[in-house]
Amino acid sequence: MVQEHSFSGEGDETPYIHLLEFEQTCACLHIVGMSHETLKWKLFPFSLTGTAKHWYTRTVGSVQGDWEALCSSFCLSFFPISRVVSLHREVLSFKQNEKESLGAIWARFNDLVNSGPDLTIQDPMLLQHFYIGLSGETTQLLDTTSGGALLHCSTSEGRKSLKIPR
């Protein structure tokens, strides 16, 4: 199961998503007498291939058994600061595609926001940038649904208007 979602460290793979999927897989497994953390340490190398496997071999000794340190090093190695800046820029300049439904654009926006580290953009600002990137027709629909202007609503009211769970 772990090898089915392998990470090579090449192309547009995202280490954050890989770790999320890896931890979800590990959460489904239990070996009597083995802690969850030990299980992750044992299985993680099997989730890596190519460049990522070489990275692991070079790095594993330097983190001294600290899972969080390994994860941080993994993410920094395969999602450098330049990519974080690019992701931040992409989120802030997000635009709705032609003929894209509200559900599809919201899913694409959330996928983008969750494809990297926490960008520390507060929810009201995220909602505002999402709204600004919508077409005029879609913003009119949301404003009508929210009973006035979506951006004048609280974040929870805005999400309710979008029928989006927190």
N, C-alpha and C. Protein backbone atom coordinates (compact mmCIF):
# COMPACT_ATOMS: atom_id res chain seq x y z
N MET A 1 0.83 -1.20 0.00
CA MET A 1 0.00 0.00 0.00
C MET A 1 0.87 1.26 0.00
N VAL A 2 1.92 1.24 0.76
CA VAL A 2 2.79 2.40 0.86
C VAL A 2 3.48 2.68 -0.48
N GLN A 3 3.89 1.64 -1.17
CA GLN A 3 4.59 1.81 -2.44
C GLN A 3 3.66 2.28 -3.55
N GLU A 4 2.36 2.07 -3.42
CA GLU A 4 1.41 2.53 -4.43
C GLU A 4 1.40 4.05 -4.56
N HIS A 5 1.71 4.74 -3.48
CA HIS A 5 1.74 6.21 -3.47
C HIS A 5 3.17 6.68 -3.23
N SER A 6 4.07 6.23 -4.07
CA SER A 6 5.47 6.57 -3.87
C SER A 6 5.78 8.00 -4.29
N PHE A 7 6.87 8.51 -3.78
CA PHE A 7 7.33 9.87 -4.04
C PHE A 7 8.75 9.79 -4.54
N SER A 8 8.99 10.40 -5.70
CA SER A 8 10.34 10.34 -6.29
C SER A 8 11.12 11.63 -6.09
N GLY A 9 10.41 12.74 -5.82
CA GLY A 9 11.09 14.02 -5.66
C GLY A 9 11.32 14.73 -6.97
N GLU A 10 10.68 14.27 -8.01
CA GLU A 10 10.87 14.87 -9.33
C GLU A 10 9.54 15.40 -9.86
N GLY A 11 9.63 16.31 -10.80
CA GLY A 11 8.42 16.87 -11.39
C GLY A 11 7.67 17.76 -10.42
N ASP A 12 6.36 17.72 -10.50
CA ASP A 12 5.55 18.61 -9.66
C ASP A 12 4.97 17.90 -8.45
N GLU A 13 5.60 16.81 -8.03
CA GLU A 13 5.14 16.11 -6.83
C GLU A 13 5.24 17.06 -5.63
N THR A 14 4.34 16.88 -4.69
CA THR A 14 4.31 17.73 -3.51
C THR A 14 4.57 16.89 -2.27
N PRO A 15 5.63 17.20 -1.53
CA PRO A 15 5.95 16.41 -0.33
C PRO A 15 4.86 16.50 0.74
N TYR A 16 4.17 17.62 0.82
CA TYR A 16 3.12 17.79 1.83
C TYR A 16 1.98 16.81 1.58
N ILE A 17 1.61 16.67 0.32
CA ILE A 17 0.54 15.74 -0.04
C ILE A 17 1.02 14.30 0.18
N HIS A 18 2.28 14.03 -0.18
CA HIS A 18 2.81 12.68 0.03
C HIS A 18 2.77 12.31 1.51
N LEU A 19 3.21 13.22 2.37
CA LEU A 19 3.20 12.94 3.82
C LEU A 19 1.78 12.73 4.34
N LEU A 20 0.85 13.54 3.85
CA LEU A 20 -0.54 13.39 4.27
C LEU A 20 -1.07 12.01 3.88
N GLU A 21 -0.86 11.61 2.64
CA GLU A 21 -1.31 10.29 2.18
C GLU A 21 -0.57 9.16 2.90
N PHE A 22 0.72 9.34 3.13
CA PHE A 22 1.51 8.34 3.84
C PHE A 22 0.97 8.14 5.26
N GLU A 23 0.73 9.25 5.96
CA GLU A 23 0.23 9.15 7.33
C GLU A 23 -1.18 8.57 7.38
N GLN A 24 -1.99 8.87 6.37
CA GLN A 24 -3.34 8.28 6.31
C GLN A 24 -3.24 6.76 6.13
N THR A 25 -2.32 6.32 5.28
CA THR A 25 -2.11 4.89 5.07
C THR A 25 -1.64 4.23 6.36
N CYS A 26 -0.67 4.85 7.01
CA CYS A 26 -0.14 4.29 8.26
C CYS A 26 -1.20 4.23 9.35
N ALA A 27 -2.11 5.18 9.35
CA ALA A 27 -3.18 5.19 10.36
C ALA A 27 -4.10 3.98 10.22
N CYS A 28 -4.11 3.38 9.04
CA CYS A 28 -4.95 2.20 8.79
C CYS A 28 -4.27 0.90 9.23
N LEU A 29 -2.99 1.01 9.56
CA LEU A 29 -2.21 -0.19 9.89
C LEU A 29 -1.92 -0.24 11.39
N HIS A 30 -1.87 -1.46 11.91
CA HIS A 30 -1.52 -1.65 13.31
C HIS A 30 -0.77 -2.98 13.43
N ILE A 31 0.38 -2.91 14.07
CA ILE A 31 1.15 -4.12 14.34
C ILE A 31 1.29 -4.22 15.85
N VAL A 32 0.84 -5.32 16.40
CA VAL A 32 0.86 -5.51 17.85
C VAL A 32 2.29 -5.34 18.37
N GLY A 33 2.42 -4.52 19.40
CA GLY A 33 3.72 -4.30 20.03
C GLY A 33 4.55 -3.22 19.35
N MET A 34 4.04 -2.59 18.29
CA MET A 34 4.81 -1.56 17.59
C MET A 34 4.04 -0.23 17.67
N SER A 35 4.74 0.81 18.09
CA SER A 35 4.09 2.13 18.17
C SER A 35 3.81 2.65 16.76
N HIS A 36 2.88 3.58 16.70
CA HIS A 36 2.52 4.19 15.42
C HIS A 36 3.75 4.90 14.81
N GLU A 37 4.52 5.57 15.65
CA GLU A 37 5.71 6.29 15.17
C GLU A 37 6.75 5.31 14.62
N THR A 38 6.97 4.20 15.28
CA THR A 38 7.92 3.19 14.78
C THR A 38 7.45 2.64 13.44
N LEU A 39 6.16 2.42 13.32
CA LEU A 39 5.60 1.94 12.06
C LEU A 39 5.91 2.91 10.93
N LYS A 40 5.73 4.21 11.18
CA LYS A 40 6.02 5.22 10.16
C LYS A 40 7.50 5.19 9.77
N TRP A 41 8.38 5.09 10.76
CA TRP A 41 9.82 5.04 10.48
C TRP A 41 10.18 3.82 9.64
N LYS A 42 9.54 2.69 9.94
CA LYS A 42 9.83 1.45 9.20
C LYS A 42 9.33 1.53 7.75
N LEU A 43 8.16 2.13 7.54
CA LEU A 43 7.53 2.13 6.22
C LEU A 43 7.94 3.29 5.32
N PHE A 44 8.32 4.42 5.90
CA PHE A 44 8.58 5.61 5.09
C PHE A 44 9.59 5.38 3.96
N PRO A 45 10.72 4.72 4.19
CA PRO A 45 11.66 4.52 3.08
C PRO A 45 11.05 3.77 1.90
N PHE A 46 10.06 2.92 2.17
CA PHE A 46 9.42 2.16 1.09
C PHE A 46 8.46 3.03 0.27
N SER A 47 8.16 4.23 0.77
CA SER A 47 7.28 5.14 0.03
C SER A 47 8.08 6.07 -0.88
N LEU A 48 9.39 5.91 -0.86
CA LEU A 48 10.27 6.79 -1.64
C LEU A 48 10.96 6.04 -2.77
N THR A 49 11.19 6.75 -3.87
CA THR A 49 11.96 6.20 -4.99
C THR A 49 12.91 7.27 -5.50
N GLY A 50 13.84 6.88 -6.34
CA GLY A 50 14.72 7.81 -7.05
C GLY A 50 15.43 8.80 -6.15
N THR A 51 15.33 10.07 -6.52
CA THR A 51 16.00 11.16 -5.81
C THR A 51 15.58 11.20 -4.34
N ALA A 52 14.31 10.97 -4.08
CA ALA A 52 13.82 11.01 -2.70
C ALA A 52 14.43 9.90 -1.85
N LYS A 53 14.61 8.74 -2.44
CA LYS A 53 15.23 7.61 -1.73
C LYS A 53 16.68 7.96 -1.37
N HIS A 54 17.39 8.58 -2.31
CA HIS A 54 18.78 9.01 -2.04
C HIS A 54 18.80 10.08 -0.95
N TRP A 55 17.84 11.00 -1.01
CA TRP A 55 17.76 12.03 0.03
C TRP A 55 17.59 11.37 1.39
N TYR A 56 16.70 10.39 1.49
CA TYR A 56 16.43 9.73 2.76
C TYR A 56 17.71 9.07 3.31
N THR A 57 18.42 8.39 2.45
CA THR A 57 19.66 7.70 2.87
C THR A 57 20.67 8.71 3.44
N ARG A 58 20.77 9.87 2.81
CA ARG A 58 21.72 10.90 3.28
C ARG A 58 21.24 11.61 4.54
N THR A 59 19.93 11.66 4.77
CA THR A 59 19.36 12.50 5.83
C THR A 59 19.00 11.75 7.10
N VAL A 60 18.61 10.50 7.00
CA VAL A 60 18.04 9.78 8.13
C VAL A 60 18.92 9.82 9.38
N GLY A 61 20.22 9.74 9.23
CA GLY A 61 21.11 9.77 10.40
C GLY A 61 21.16 11.10 11.11
N SER A 62 20.99 12.18 10.37
CA SER A 62 21.14 13.51 10.96
C SER A 62 19.91 13.97 11.77
N VAL A 63 18.78 13.31 11.62
CA VAL A 63 17.58 13.73 12.36
C VAL A 63 17.45 13.00 13.69
N GLN A 64 18.29 12.04 13.95
CA GLN A 64 18.38 11.35 15.23
C GLN A 64 17.04 10.84 15.74
N GLY A 65 16.28 10.22 14.87
CA GLY A 65 15.03 9.59 15.28
C GLY A 65 13.87 10.54 15.52
N ASP A 66 14.01 11.79 15.12
CA ASP A 66 12.96 12.79 15.32
C ASP A 66 12.09 12.85 14.06
N TRP A 67 10.88 12.28 14.13
CA TRP A 67 9.99 12.20 12.98
C TRP A 67 9.65 13.59 12.43
N GLU A 68 9.36 14.53 13.32
CA GLU A 68 9.02 15.89 12.88
C GLU A 68 10.18 16.54 12.15
N ALA A 69 11.40 16.33 12.63
CA ALA A 69 12.59 16.89 11.97
C ALA A 69 12.76 16.26 10.59
N LEU A 70 12.50 14.97 10.47
CA LEU A 70 12.59 14.29 9.18
C LEU A 70 11.55 14.88 8.21
N CYS A 71 10.33 15.06 8.68
CA CYS A 71 9.27 15.62 7.83
C CYS A 71 9.61 17.04 7.39
N SER A 72 10.11 17.86 8.30
CA SER A 72 10.49 19.23 7.96
C SER A 72 11.60 19.25 6.92
N SER A 73 12.60 18.43 7.12
CA SER A 73 13.71 18.36 6.17
C SER A 73 13.22 17.87 4.81
N PHE A 74 12.34 16.88 4.82
CA PHE A 74 11.76 16.33 3.60
C PHE A 74 11.03 17.42 2.81
N CYS A 75 10.19 18.16 3.51
CA CYS A 75 9.40 19.21 2.84
C CYS A 75 10.29 20.34 2.33
N LEU A 76 11.26 20.77 3.12
CA LEU A 76 12.15 21.83 2.67
C LEU A 76 13.01 21.40 1.49
N SER A 77 13.38 20.13 1.46
CA SER A 77 14.22 19.63 0.37
C SER A 77 13.45 19.55 -0.95
N PHE A 78 12.17 19.20 -0.87
CA PHE A 78 11.41 18.98 -2.10
C PHE A 78 10.33 20.04 -2.36
N PHE A 79 10.27 21.05 -1.50
CA PHE A 79 9.37 22.17 -1.71
C PHE A 79 10.11 23.40 -1.20
N PRO A 80 11.09 23.86 -1.97
CA PRO A 80 11.94 24.97 -1.51
C PRO A 80 11.16 26.28 -1.32
N ILE A 81 11.79 27.22 -0.65
CA ILE A 81 11.17 28.51 -0.35
C ILE A 81 10.69 29.20 -1.63
N SER A 82 11.44 29.07 -2.72
CA SER A 82 11.02 29.70 -3.98
C SER A 82 9.66 29.15 -4.44
N ARG A 83 9.43 27.88 -4.18
CA ARG A 83 8.15 27.27 -4.55
C ARG A 83 7.04 27.73 -3.60
N VAL A 84 7.38 27.97 -2.34
CA VAL A 84 6.41 28.49 -1.38
C VAL A 84 5.97 29.89 -1.82
N VAL A 85 6.94 30.71 -2.21
CA VAL A 85 6.64 32.07 -2.68
C VAL A 85 5.76 32.02 -3.91
N SER A 86 6.07 31.12 -4.83
CA SER A 86 5.27 30.96 -6.05
C SER A 86 3.84 30.53 -5.71
N LEU A 87 3.69 29.58 -4.78
CA LEU A 87 2.37 29.12 -4.36
C LEU A 87 1.58 30.27 -3.73
N HIS A 88 2.25 31.03 -2.89
CA HIS A 88 1.61 32.18 -2.24
C HIS A 88 1.09 33.15 -3.30
N ARG A 89 1.91 33.44 -4.28
CA ARG A 89 1.53 34.35 -5.37
C ARG A 89 0.33 33.79 -6.14
N GLU A 90 0.36 32.48 -6.39
CA GLU A 90 -0.72 31.82 -7.13
C GLU A 90 -2.05 31.91 -6.37
N VAL A 91 -2.00 31.71 -5.07
CA VAL A 91 -3.22 31.79 -4.25
C VAL A 91 -3.77 33.22 -4.28
N LEU A 92 -2.88 34.19 -4.15
CA LEU A 92 -3.32 35.59 -4.08
C LEU A 92 -3.82 36.13 -5.43
N SER A 93 -3.42 35.49 -6.53
CA SER A 93 -3.86 35.95 -7.85
C SER A 93 -4.78 34.93 -8.53
N PHE A 94 -5.43 34.10 -7.74
CA PHE A 94 -6.28 33.03 -8.24
C PHE A 94 -7.43 33.59 -9.09
N LYS A 95 -7.73 32.92 -10.20
CA LYS A 95 -8.81 33.34 -11.10
C LYS A 95 -9.69 32.15 -11.49
N GLN A 96 -10.96 32.43 -11.66
CA GLN A 96 -11.92 31.43 -12.13
C GLN A 96 -11.70 31.22 -13.62
N ASN A 97 -11.69 29.96 -14.05
CA ASN A 97 -11.60 29.64 -15.47
C ASN A 97 -12.95 29.83 -16.13
N GLU A 98 -12.93 30.05 -17.43
CA GLU A 98 -14.17 30.22 -18.17
C GLU A 98 -15.05 28.98 -18.04
N LYS A 99 -16.32 29.20 -17.78
CA LYS A 99 -17.33 28.14 -17.66
C LYS A 99 -17.06 27.16 -16.51
N GLU A 100 -16.28 27.59 -15.53
CA GLU A 100 -15.98 26.74 -14.37
C GLU A 100 -17.06 26.96 -13.31
N SER A 101 -17.62 25.87 -12.83
CA SER A 101 -18.68 25.97 -11.83
C SER A 101 -18.11 26.42 -10.49
N LEU A 102 -18.98 26.91 -9.64
CA LEU A 102 -18.57 27.37 -8.32
C LEU A 102 -17.95 26.22 -7.52
N GLY A 103 -18.57 25.04 -7.58
CA GLY A 103 -18.03 23.88 -6.87
C GLY A 103 -16.65 23.50 -7.37
N ALA A 104 -16.46 23.56 -8.68
CA ALA A 104 -15.17 23.19 -9.27
C ALA A 104 -14.10 24.21 -8.92
N ILE A 105 -14.46 25.49 -8.95
CA ILE A 105 -13.45 26.52 -8.63
C ILE A 105 -13.08 26.46 -7.14
N TRP A 106 -14.09 26.20 -6.29
CA TRP A 106 -13.78 26.11 -4.85
C TRP A 106 -12.86 24.91 -4.59
N ALA A 107 -13.13 23.78 -5.23
CA ALA A 107 -12.28 22.59 -5.06
C ALA A 107 -10.86 22.88 -5.56
N ARG A 108 -10.75 23.55 -6.71
CA ARG A 108 -9.42 23.86 -7.25
C ARG A 108 -8.67 24.83 -6.35
N PHE A 109 -9.39 25.81 -5.80
CA PHE A 109 -8.77 26.78 -4.88
C PHE A 109 -8.27 26.07 -3.62
N ASN A 110 -9.09 25.21 -3.05
CA ASN A 110 -8.67 24.48 -1.84
C ASN A 110 -7.51 23.54 -2.12
N ASP A 111 -7.53 22.87 -3.27
CA ASP A 111 -6.40 22.02 -3.64
C ASP A 111 -5.12 22.84 -3.71
N LEU A 112 -5.21 24.02 -4.28
CA LEU A 112 -4.04 24.89 -4.38
C LEU A 112 -3.55 25.31 -3.00
N VAL A 113 -4.46 25.78 -2.16
CA VAL A 113 -4.09 26.23 -0.81
C VAL A 113 -3.47 25.09 0.00
N ASN A 114 -3.97 23.88 -0.19
CA ASN A 114 -3.50 22.74 0.60
C ASN A 114 -2.35 21.97 -0.06
N SER A 115 -1.83 22.47 -1.17
CA SER A 115 -0.77 21.74 -1.88
C SER A 115 0.62 22.01 -1.33
N GLY A 116 0.73 22.85 -0.35
CA GLY A 116 2.04 23.16 0.22
C GLY A 116 1.92 23.41 1.71
N PRO A 117 2.89 24.14 2.25
CA PRO A 117 2.85 24.42 3.69
C PRO A 117 1.74 25.42 4.01
N ASP A 118 1.48 25.59 5.29
CA ASP A 118 0.53 26.59 5.74
C ASP A 118 1.07 27.95 5.32
N LEU A 119 0.34 28.66 4.49
CA LEU A 119 0.79 29.94 3.97
C LEU A 119 0.54 31.09 4.94
N THR A 120 -0.04 30.80 6.08
CA THR A 120 -0.38 31.76 7.12
C THR A 120 -1.24 32.91 6.58
N ILE A 121 -2.09 32.59 5.63
CA ILE A 121 -3.08 33.56 5.15
C ILE A 121 -4.36 33.26 5.91
N GLN A 122 -4.83 34.21 6.67
CA GLN A 122 -6.01 33.97 7.49
C GLN A 122 -7.24 33.74 6.62
N ASP A 123 -8.19 32.97 7.16
CA ASP A 123 -9.40 32.60 6.42
C ASP A 123 -10.12 33.78 5.76
N PRO A 124 -10.31 34.91 6.46
CA PRO A 124 -11.01 36.01 5.78
C PRO A 124 -10.27 36.48 4.52
N MET A 125 -8.95 36.50 4.56
CA MET A 125 -8.17 36.91 3.40
C MET A 125 -8.25 35.87 2.29
N LEU A 126 -8.22 34.60 2.65
CA LEU A 126 -8.36 33.54 1.65
C LEU A 126 -9.70 33.66 0.94
N LEU A 127 -10.76 33.86 1.72
CA LEU A 127 -12.09 33.99 1.15
C LEU A 127 -12.17 35.22 0.24
N GLN A 128 -11.52 36.30 0.66
CA GLN A 128 -11.51 37.52 -0.14
C GLN A 128 -10.79 37.30 -1.48
N HIS A 129 -9.65 36.65 -1.46
CA HIS A 129 -8.90 36.40 -2.71
C HIS A 129 -9.65 35.42 -3.61
N PHE A 130 -10.33 34.48 -3.01
CA PHE A 130 -11.16 33.57 -3.79
C PHE A 130 -12.26 34.37 -4.50
N TYR A 131 -12.95 35.21 -3.74
CA TYR A 131 -14.06 36.01 -4.27
C TYR A 131 -13.58 36.95 -5.38
N ILE A 132 -12.47 37.61 -5.17
CA ILE A 132 -11.93 38.56 -6.15
C ILE A 132 -11.59 37.87 -7.46
N GLY A 133 -11.23 36.60 -7.39
CA GLY A 133 -10.86 35.85 -8.59
C GLY A 133 -12.04 35.29 -9.37
N LEU A 134 -13.25 35.50 -8.87
CA LEU A 134 -14.44 34.97 -9.53
C LEU A 134 -14.90 35.89 -10.66
N SER A 135 -15.64 35.31 -11.59
CA SER A 135 -16.23 36.10 -12.68
C SER A 135 -17.34 36.98 -12.10
N GLY A 136 -17.70 38.02 -12.86
CA GLY A 136 -18.76 38.92 -12.42
C GLY A 136 -20.07 38.20 -12.17
N GLU A 137 -20.39 37.26 -13.03
CA GLU A 137 -21.63 36.49 -12.90
C GLU A 137 -21.64 35.68 -11.60
N THR A 138 -20.52 35.05 -11.30
CA THR A 138 -20.42 34.23 -10.09
C THR A 138 -20.46 35.09 -8.85
N THR A 139 -19.80 36.26 -8.87
CA THR A 139 -19.84 37.14 -7.69
C THR A 139 -21.25 37.65 -7.44
N GLN A 140 -21.99 37.94 -8.52
CA GLN A 140 -23.38 38.37 -8.36
C GLN A 140 -24.22 37.27 -7.71
N LEU A 141 -24.00 36.05 -8.16
CA LEU A 141 -24.71 34.90 -7.58
C LEU A 141 -24.40 34.78 -6.09
N LEU A 142 -23.12 34.87 -5.73
CA LEU A 142 -22.74 34.75 -4.31
C LEU A 142 -23.27 35.91 -3.48
N ASP A 143 -23.23 37.11 -4.05
CA ASP A 143 -23.75 38.26 -3.30
C ASP A 143 -25.25 38.10 -3.04
N THR A 144 -25.98 37.62 -4.02
CA THR A 144 -27.41 37.38 -3.86
C THR A 144 -27.66 36.30 -2.82
N THR A 145 -26.90 35.23 -2.89
CA THR A 145 -27.04 34.12 -1.95
C THR A 145 -26.75 34.56 -0.52
N SER A 146 -25.77 35.46 -0.37
CA SER A 146 -25.39 35.90 0.98
C SER A 146 -26.29 37.02 1.51
N GLY A 147 -27.23 37.45 0.70
CA GLY A 147 -28.17 38.48 1.15
C GLY A 147 -27.60 39.89 1.09
N GLY A 148 -26.66 40.12 0.21
CA GLY A 148 -26.08 41.47 0.08
C GLY A 148 -24.74 41.39 -0.61
N ALA A 149 -23.69 41.44 0.18
CA ALA A 149 -22.33 41.36 -0.37
C ALA A 149 -21.56 40.32 0.43
N LEU A 150 -21.08 39.32 -0.23
CA LEU A 150 -20.36 38.23 0.44
C LEU A 150 -19.19 38.75 1.27
N LEU A 151 -18.47 39.74 0.76
CA LEU A 151 -17.30 40.24 1.48
C LEU A 151 -17.66 41.03 2.74
N HIS A 152 -18.93 41.36 2.91
CA HIS A 152 -19.36 42.06 4.13
C HIS A 152 -19.81 41.07 5.20
N CYS A 153 -19.80 39.78 4.84
CA CYS A 153 -20.18 38.73 5.78
C CYS A 153 -18.96 38.28 6.58
N SER A 154 -19.22 37.66 7.71
CA SER A 154 -18.12 37.02 8.45
C SER A 154 -17.66 35.80 7.65
N THR A 155 -16.50 35.28 7.99
CA THR A 155 -15.98 34.11 7.27
C THR A 155 -16.94 32.94 7.38
N SER A 156 -17.50 32.70 8.57
CA SER A 156 -18.41 31.57 8.72
C SER A 156 -19.70 31.80 7.93
N GLU A 157 -20.20 33.05 7.88
CA GLU A 157 -21.38 33.34 7.07
C GLU A 157 -21.07 33.17 5.58
N GLY A 158 -19.87 33.61 5.18
CA GLY A 158 -19.45 33.45 3.78
C GLY A 158 -19.38 31.99 3.38
N ARG A 159 -18.82 31.18 4.25
CA ARG A 159 -18.75 29.73 3.98
C ARG A 159 -20.15 29.13 3.92
N LYS A 160 -21.04 29.63 4.77
CA LYS A 160 -22.42 29.14 4.77
C LYS A 160 -23.08 29.50 3.45
N SER A 161 -22.84 30.71 2.96
CA SER A 161 -23.41 31.12 1.67
C SER A 161 -22.88 30.24 0.53
N LEU A 162 -21.64 29.85 0.67
CA LEU A 162 -21.02 28.96 -0.33
C LEU A 162 -21.41 27.52 -0.09
N LYS A 163 -22.06 27.26 1.06
CA LYS A 163 -22.41 25.90 1.48
C LYS A 163 -21.16 25.05 1.58
N ILE A 164 -20.13 25.66 2.19
CA ILE A 164 -18.83 25.01 2.32
C ILE A 164 -18.58 24.77 3.80
N PRO A 165 -18.39 23.51 4.19
CA PRO A 165 -18.10 23.24 5.61
C PRO A 165 -16.74 23.75 6.01
N ARG A 166 -16.59 24.09 7.23
CA ARG A 166 -15.28 24.58 7.76
C ARG A 166 -14.36 23.43 7.83
